[in-house]
Protein backbone atom coordinates (compact mmCIF):
# COMPACT_ATOMS: atom_id res chain seq x y z
CA UNK A 1 17.63 -37.40 -5.10
CA UNK A 2 18.02 -34.82 -7.85
CA UNK A 3 14.26 -34.20 -7.80
CA UNK A 4 14.43 -33.43 -4.09
CA UNK A 5 17.13 -30.82 -4.68
CA UNK A 6 15.14 -29.29 -7.53
CA UNK A 7 12.01 -29.11 -5.39
CA UNK A 8 13.94 -27.61 -2.48
CA UNK A 9 15.51 -25.08 -4.85
CA UNK A 10 12.11 -24.07 -6.21
CA UNK A 11 10.73 -23.71 -2.69
CA UNK A 12 13.74 -21.61 -1.66
CA UNK A 13 13.28 -19.30 -4.65
CA UNK A 14 9.54 -19.04 -3.97
CA UNK A 15 10.01 -18.18 -0.30
CA UNK A 16 12.72 -15.67 -1.18
CA UNK A 17 10.36 -13.86 -3.55
CA UNK A 18 7.59 -13.91 -0.96
CA UNK A 19 9.82 -12.47 1.76
CA UNK A 20 11.26 -9.81 -0.55
CA UNK A 21 7.74 -8.86 -1.65
CA UNK A 22 6.61 -8.49 1.95
CA UNK A 23 9.59 -6.28 2.80
CA UNK A 24 8.92 -4.18 -0.30
CA UNK A 25 5.26 -3.82 0.64
CA UNK A 26 6.22 -2.98 4.24
CA UNK A 27 8.48 -0.14 3.05
CA UNK A 28 5.69 1.18 0.81
CA UNK A 29 3.28 0.86 3.70
CA UNK A 30 5.57 2.79 6.05
CA UNK A 31 6.21 5.58 3.53
CA UNK A 32 2.55 6.13 2.69
CA UNK A 33 1.45 5.89 6.32
CA UNK A 34 4.00 8.52 7.33
CA UNK A 35 2.74 10.84 4.57
CA UNK A 36 -0.85 10.20 5.65
CA UNK A 37 -0.01 11.00 9.26
CA UNK A 38 1.52 14.35 8.32
CA UNK A 39 -1.22 15.21 5.82
CA UNK A 40 -4.06 14.34 8.20
CA UNK A 41 -2.67 16.69 10.85
CA UNK A 42 -2.35 19.55 8.39
CA UNK A 43 -4.99 22.15 7.71
CA UNK A 44 -2.88 24.15 5.27
CA UNK A 45 -4.16 23.76 1.72
CA UNK A 46 -0.70 23.82 0.10
CA UNK A 47 0.66 21.24 2.50
CA UNK A 48 -2.37 19.01 1.90
CA UNK A 49 -1.78 19.24 -1.86
CA UNK A 50 1.93 18.51 -1.43
CA UNK A 51 1.36 15.39 0.65
CA UNK A 52 -1.51 14.18 -1.51
CA UNK A 53 0.88 14.37 -4.47
CA UNK A 54 3.49 12.41 -2.50
CA UNK A 55 0.95 9.74 -1.55
CA UNK A 56 -0.32 9.38 -5.11
CA UNK A 57 3.18 9.31 -6.62
CA UNK A 58 4.42 6.77 -4.08
CA UNK A 59 1.41 4.54 -4.69
CA UNK A 60 1.54 4.78 -8.48
CA UNK A 61 5.27 4.10 -8.64
CA UNK A 62 5.37 1.14 -6.29
CA UNK A 63 1.97 -0.48 -6.71
CA UNK A 64 2.91 -2.05 -10.05
CA UNK A 65 5.01 -4.69 -8.34
CA UNK A 66 2.44 -5.23 -5.61
CA UNK A 67 -0.18 -6.10 -8.24
CA UNK A 68 1.70 -9.36 -8.81
CA UNK A 69 0.94 -10.86 -5.41
CA UNK A 70 -2.18 -9.13 -4.06
CA UNK A 71 -5.85 -9.07 -4.91
CA UNK A 72 -6.54 -6.71 -7.77
CA UNK A 73 -9.89 -5.45 -6.52
CA UNK A 74 -8.28 -4.06 -3.37
CA UNK A 75 -5.44 -2.52 -5.37
CA UNK A 76 -7.98 -0.90 -7.71
CA UNK A 77 -9.94 0.41 -4.75
CA UNK A 78 -6.74 1.82 -3.26
CA UNK A 79 -5.87 3.50 -6.57
CA UNK A 80 -9.34 5.06 -6.71
CA UNK A 81 -9.03 6.39 -3.16
CA UNK A 82 -5.56 7.80 -3.88
CA UNK A 83 -6.82 9.53 -7.01
CA UNK A 84 -9.65 11.16 -5.09
CA UNK A 85 -7.55 12.91 -2.44
CA UNK A 86 -5.86 15.50 -4.65
CA UNK A 87 -9.12 17.21 -5.75
CA UNK A 88 -10.23 17.27 -2.12
CA UNK A 89 -6.95 18.90 -1.11
CA UNK A 90 -7.22 21.44 -3.93
CA UNK A 91 -10.73 22.39 -2.83
CA UNK A 92 -9.56 22.77 0.75
CA UNK A 93 -12.19 20.34 2.05
CA UNK A 94 -10.33 19.29 5.20
CA UNK A 95 -13.01 16.98 6.61
CA UNK A 96 -13.44 14.95 3.44
CA UNK A 97 -9.68 14.92 2.86
CA UNK A 98 -9.04 13.50 6.30
CA UNK A 99 -11.84 10.98 5.82
CA UNK A 100 -10.31 9.73 2.58
CA UNK A 101 -6.89 9.52 4.24
CA UNK A 102 -8.42 7.43 7.00
CA UNK A 103 -9.94 5.07 4.43
CA UNK A 104 -6.61 4.82 2.61
CA UNK A 105 -4.83 4.08 5.89
CA UNK A 106 -7.26 1.32 6.88
CA UNK A 107 -7.28 -0.26 3.41
CA UNK A 108 -3.49 -0.18 3.19
CA UNK A 109 -3.15 -1.84 6.58
CA UNK A 110 -5.78 -4.41 5.61
CA UNK A 111 -4.02 -5.27 2.34
CA UNK A 112 -0.69 -5.67 4.12
CA UNK A 113 -2.10 -7.79 6.95
CA UNK A 114 -3.98 -10.03 4.52
CA UNK A 115 -0.72 -10.81 2.71
CA UNK A 116 1.21 -11.82 5.82
CA UNK A 117 1.81 -15.57 6.10
CA UNK A 118 -0.22 -15.98 9.27
CA UNK A 119 -2.26 -19.10 10.08
CA UNK A 120 -5.52 -17.15 9.79
CA UNK A 121 -4.58 -16.11 6.24
CA UNK A 122 -3.38 -19.55 5.18
CA UNK A 123 -6.15 -21.80 6.51
């Protein structure tokens, strides 16, 4: 009977960490997507630089914890995309900047959806 309680306790701790991780990733996702939405509608060079800095800072600060429970190749790809937007914003290349933001948006959504405990992701 003690083993059953230990197993149930381990499962409860595991599910708690999973749920907390998903909420943390959802908040990161919402923050970055809101910055991307504002930055993609902007054509002002200074505003593009400001929001690219916010996107990069948000990603660099919060992606360390996400590395624990997601695939590293997608996280590395996301870090590469985030690092490439600031030079594009500084050059004022609006088309390429918006294209990179679109790639970041789709990759971020893909990473989040692939971590959700849905039947398609489990089986």
